Structure formats: structure tokens, C-alpha cells
C-alpha atoms as a PDB file:
ATOM      1  CA  MET A   1       8.606 -25.472 -27.881  1.00  0.00           C
ATOM      2  CA  THR A   2       5.457 -26.976 -26.390  1.00  0.00           C
ATOM      3  CA  VAL A   3       5.372 -27.409 -22.625  1.00  0.00           C
ATOM      4  CA  ILE A   4       4.519 -30.978 -21.602  1.00  0.00           C
ATOM      5  CA  ARG A   5       2.176 -30.919 -18.601  1.00  0.00           C
ATOM      6  CA  SER A   6       0.682 -34.370 -19.111  1.00  0.00           C
ATOM      7  CA  TYR A   7       1.173 -37.501 -21.177  1.00  0.00           C
ATOM      8  CA  GLN A   8      -1.766 -36.203 -23.217  1.00  0.00           C
ATOM      9  CA  ASP A   9       0.470 -33.386 -24.457  1.00  0.00           C
ATOM     10  CA  LEU A  10       2.901 -35.874 -26.005  1.00  0.00           C
ATOM     11  CA  GLU A  11       2.573 -36.059 -29.777  1.00  0.00           C
ATOM     12  CA  VAL A  12       3.445 -39.763 -29.710  1.00  0.00           C
ATOM     13  CA  TRP A  13       0.557 -40.466 -27.296  1.00  0.00           C
ATOM     14  CA  GLN A  14      -1.854 -38.428 -29.442  1.00  0.00           C
ATOM     15  CA  MET A  15      -0.767 -40.281 -32.573  1.00  0.00           C
ATOM     16  CA  ALA A  16      -1.100 -43.631 -30.786  1.00  0.00           C
ATOM     17  CA  MET A  17      -4.646 -42.774 -29.697  1.00  0.00           C
ATOM     18  CA  THR A  18      -5.594 -41.928 -33.282  1.00  0.00           C
ATOM     19  CA  LEU A  19      -4.014 -45.192 -34.439  1.00  0.00           C
ATOM     20  CA  ALA A  20      -6.082 -47.130 -31.883  1.00  0.00           C
ATOM     21  CA  GLU A  21      -9.257 -45.424 -33.134  1.00  0.00           C
ATOM     22  CA  ASP A  22      -8.320 -46.301 -36.721  1.00  0.00           C
ATOM     23  CA  CYS A  23      -7.746 -49.930 -35.743  1.00  0.00           C
ATOM     24  CA  TYR A  24     -11.178 -50.132 -34.129  1.00  0.00           C
ATOM     25  CA  ARG A  25     -12.728 -48.752 -37.323  1.00  0.00           C
ATOM     26  CA  ILE A  26     -10.843 -51.204 -39.538  1.00  0.00           C
ATOM     27  CA  THR A  27     -11.680 -54.247 -37.415  1.00  0.00           C
ATOM     28  CA  ARG A  28     -15.404 -53.445 -37.366  1.00  0.00           C
ATOM     29  CA  ALA A  29     -15.487 -54.753 -40.926  1.00  0.00           C
ATOM     30  CA  PHE A  30     -13.763 -58.042 -40.017  1.00  0.00           C
ATOM     31  CA  PRO A  31     -15.886 -61.209 -40.068  1.00  0.00           C
ATOM     32  CA  ARG A  32     -17.670 -62.027 -36.818  1.00  0.00           C
ATOM     33  CA  GLU A  33     -15.691 -65.270 -36.580  1.00  0.00           C
ATOM     34  CA  GLU A  34     -12.561 -63.138 -36.024  1.00  0.00           C
ATOM     35  CA  LEU A  35     -14.024 -61.345 -32.987  1.00  0.00           C
ATOM     36  CA  TYR A  36     -11.929 -63.371 -30.539  1.00  0.00           C
ATOM     37  CA  GLY A  37      -9.061 -63.811 -32.985  1.00  0.00           C
ATOM     38  CA  MET A  38      -7.533 -61.121 -35.147  1.00  0.00           C
ATOM     39  CA  THR A  39     -10.037 -58.423 -34.146  1.00  0.00           C
ATOM     40  CA  SER A  40      -9.209 -58.837 -30.470  1.00  0.00           C
ATOM     41  CA  GLN A  41      -5.455 -59.084 -31.093  1.00  0.00           C
ATOM     42  CA  ILE A  42      -5.338 -55.900 -33.175  1.00  0.00           C
ATOM     43  CA  ARG A  43      -7.471 -53.928 -30.742  1.00  0.00           C
ATOM     44  CA  ARG A  44      -5.506 -55.036 -27.679  1.00  0.00           C
ATOM     45  CA  ALA A  45      -2.138 -54.263 -29.269  1.00  0.00           C
ATOM     46  CA  ALA A  46      -3.385 -50.879 -30.504  1.00  0.00           C
ATOM     47  CA  VAL A  47      -4.730 -49.861 -27.085  1.00  0.00           C
ATOM     48  CA  SER A  48      -1.559 -51.056 -25.371  1.00  0.00           C
ATOM     49  CA  ILE A  49       0.570 -48.436 -27.138  1.00  0.00           C
ATOM     50  CA  PRO A  50      -0.949 -45.230 -25.684  1.00  0.00           C
ATOM     51  CA  ALA A  51      -1.870 -46.988 -22.424  1.00  0.00           C
ATOM     52  CA  ASN A  52       1.752 -47.890 -21.689  1.00  0.00           C
ATOM     53  CA  ILE A  53       2.957 -44.411 -22.635  1.00  0.00           C
ATOM     54  CA  ALA A  54       0.474 -43.003 -20.109  1.00  0.00           C
ATOM     55  CA  GLU A  55       1.265 -45.550 -17.405  1.00  0.00           C
ATOM     56  CA  GLY A  56       4.993 -44.982 -17.735  1.00  0.00           C
ATOM     57  CA  TYR A  57       4.543 -41.227 -17.588  1.00  0.00           C
ATOM     58  CA  GLY A  58       2.528 -41.639 -14.415  1.00  0.00           C
ATOM     59  CA  ARG A  59       5.309 -43.565 -12.674  1.00  0.00           C
ATOM     60  CA  GLU A  60       7.323 -40.333 -12.359  1.00  0.00           C
ATOM     61  CA  MET A  61      10.640 -42.207 -12.452  1.00  0.00           C
ATOM     62  CA  THR A  62      12.696 -42.101 -15.618  1.00  0.00           C
ATOM     63  CA  GLY A  63      13.730 -45.761 -15.457  1.00  0.00           C
ATOM     64  CA  SER A  64      10.130 -46.938 -15.096  1.00  0.00           C
ATOM     65  CA  TYR A  65       8.991 -44.562 -17.813  1.00  0.00           C
ATOM     66  CA  ILE A  66      11.592 -45.956 -20.218  1.00  0.00           C
ATOM     67  CA  GLN A  67      10.513 -49.512 -19.371  1.00  0.00           C
ATOM     68  CA  PHE A  68       6.887 -48.731 -20.255  1.00  0.00           C
ATOM     69  CA  LEU A  69       7.945 -46.947 -23.448  1.00  0.00           C
ATOM     70  CA  ARG A  70       9.764 -50.129 -24.444  1.00  0.00           C
ATOM     71  CA  VAL A  71       6.586 -52.121 -23.818  1.00  0.00           C
ATOM     72  CA  SER A  72       4.828 -49.655 -26.127  1.00  0.00           C
ATOM     73  CA  GLN A  73       7.520 -50.276 -28.738  1.00  0.00           C
ATOM     74  CA  GLY A  74       6.841 -53.993 -28.535  1.00  0.00           C
ATOM     75  CA  SER A  75       3.122 -53.379 -28.927  1.00  0.00           C
ATOM     76  CA  VAL A  76       3.815 -51.256 -32.014  1.00  0.00           C
ATOM     77  CA  ARG A  77       5.641 -54.152 -33.662  1.00  0.00           C
ATOM     78  CA  GLU A  78       2.969 -56.615 -32.560  1.00  0.00           C
ATOM     79  CA  LEU A  79       0.242 -54.413 -34.036  1.00  0.00           C
ATOM     80  CA  GLU A  80       2.172 -53.877 -37.243  1.00  0.00           C
ATOM     81  CA  THR A  81       2.545 -57.656 -37.629  1.00  0.00           C
ATOM     82  CA  HIS A  82      -1.180 -58.262 -37.043  1.00  0.00           C
ATOM     83  CA  LEU A  83      -2.076 -55.579 -39.595  1.00  0.00           C
ATOM     84  CA  LEU A  84       0.287 -57.031 -42.186  1.00  0.00           C
ATOM     85  CA  LEU A  85      -1.159 -60.497 -41.597  1.00  0.00           C
ATOM     86  CA  ALA A  86      -4.710 -59.132 -41.857  1.00  0.00           C
ATOM     87  CA  GLY A  87      -3.795 -57.885 -45.312  1.00  0.00           C
ATOM     88  CA  ARG A  88      -2.147 -61.157 -46.319  1.00  0.00           C
ATOM     89  CA  ILE A  89      -5.218 -63.203 -45.348  1.00  0.00           C
ATOM     90  CA  ASN A  90      -7.604 -60.680 -46.930  1.00  0.00           C
ATOM     91  CA  LEU A  91      -9.347 -59.446 -43.800  1.00  0.00           C
ATOM     92  CA  ALA A  92      -8.699 -55.886 -44.968  1.00  0.00           C
ATOM     93  CA  SER A  93      -7.436 -54.236 -48.126  1.00  0.00           C
ATOM     94  CA  GLY A  94      -3.933 -52.919 -48.535  1.00  0.00           C
ATOM     95  CA  ASP A  95      -5.427 -49.453 -48.970  1.00  0.00           C
ATOM     96  CA  ASP A  96      -7.154 -49.657 -45.576  1.00  0.00           C
ATOM     97  CA  LEU A  97      -3.990 -50.904 -43.887  1.00  0.00           C
ATOM     98  CA  ALA A  98      -1.366 -48.664 -45.510  1.00  0.00           C
ATOM     99  CA  LYS A  99      -1.912 -45.655 -43.237  1.00  0.00           C
ATOM    100  CA  PRO A 100      -1.997 -47.601 -39.940  1.00  0.00           C
ATOM    101  CA  VAL A 101       1.129 -49.558 -40.898  1.00  0.00           C
ATOM    102  CA  GLU A 102       2.897 -46.304 -41.797  1.00  0.00           C
ATOM    103  CA  THR A 103       1.732 -44.786 -38.507  1.00  0.00           C
ATOM    104  CA  CYS A 104       3.207 -47.760 -36.635  1.00  0.00           C
ATOM    105  CA  GLU A 105       6.571 -46.957 -38.193  1.00  0.00           C
ATOM    106  CA  ARG A 106       6.304 -43.278 -37.228  1.00  0.00           C
ATOM    107  CA  ILE A 107       5.282 -44.079 -33.659  1.00  0.00           C
ATOM    108  CA  GLY A 108       8.130 -46.580 -33.355  1.00  0.00           C
ATOM    109  CA  LYS A 109      10.635 -43.907 -34.401  1.00  0.00           C
ATOM    110  CA  MET A 110       9.116 -41.374 -32.014  1.00  0.00           C
ATOM    111  CA  LEU A 111       9.293 -43.832 -29.127  1.00  0.00           C
ATOM    112  CA  ARG A 112      12.954 -44.604 -29.914  1.00  0.00           C
ATOM    113  CA  SER A 113      13.752 -40.883 -29.929  1.00  0.00           C
ATOM    114  CA  LEU A 114      11.919 -40.322 -26.649  1.00  0.00           C
ATOM    115  CA  ILE A 115      13.703 -43.251 -25.000  1.00  0.00           C
ATOM    116  CA  ARG A 116      17.099 -41.966 -26.165  1.00  0.00           C
ATOM    117  CA  ALA A 117      16.323 -38.481 -24.867  1.00  0.00           C
ATOM    118  CA  LEU A 118      15.277 -39.850 -21.479  1.00  0.00           C
ATOM    119  CA  GLU A 119      18.321 -42.128 -21.286  1.00  0.00           C
ATOM    120  CA  SER A 120      20.631 -39.197 -21.968  1.00  0.00           C
ATOM    121  CA  ARG A 121      19.149 -37.401 -18.935  1.00  0.00           C
ATOM    122  CA  GLY A 122      19.780 -40.323 -16.601  1.00  0.00           C
ATOM    123  CA  THR A 123      17.495 -42.860 -14.953  1.00  0.00           C
ATOM    124  CA  SER A 124      16.547 -41.342 -11.610  1.00  0.00           C
END
């Protein structure tokens, strides 16, 4: 089993960082008129996921950590919704969006598992 010395060791954080990078790449191809619309929304939601995992980890209290993980969960669903809408309004192809949407689902499951594990240890 891997020893966790930092939030950066968490697989869910690593996956969320890769997802954020992918979202930046995808949105570079969006029309300039979407810079303050869908581009900004997708990028902010994507960055929020690993940022809240890190911030919660840094709080060093289980209850606070869980709270920030739940914020990350919300950001996952927000991002997933923006990506699905981007496909529906033809800002990106289904092929470009399939992997990030699938990754959202995986990250959501990982966050749920992490929250359950932390809750079972107590909220000190």
C-alpha cells in the first residue's frame, strides 16, 4: 500500500489535475466569444476539484477535510454538466468530451469512497 505523505500522493488528486489539464486543452479550441462563458465555467470547475482536495487535506481536521471533499464532488458534477452541454451545443465533439466525462464519473466515485473511509474513522 502506498504511504500518503501529501495530498499530491492521492490518486484522486492526481487524476483531478490531469482532468483540469485536459479541460484547458479542450477549451482552447472554443470560440473566443465563449472566453467569459463556457470556457471560463469549465476551467473554474475543473480547477476547483483538485484545489478543494488539497485545501481540505491541509486543514488537518477530518470534518473539514470531508467538507472540502464534498465541495470537490459538487465541482465534479458541475464540470460534467458543462462538458455535456458543450457537446450538445457543438462547442466540442463527443469524441473530445468522452474521456473527460468518464473521468468525472471515476473521480466522483473515488471522492465518495474517500469520504466514506474518513467518516468511518470519525470526525476529529
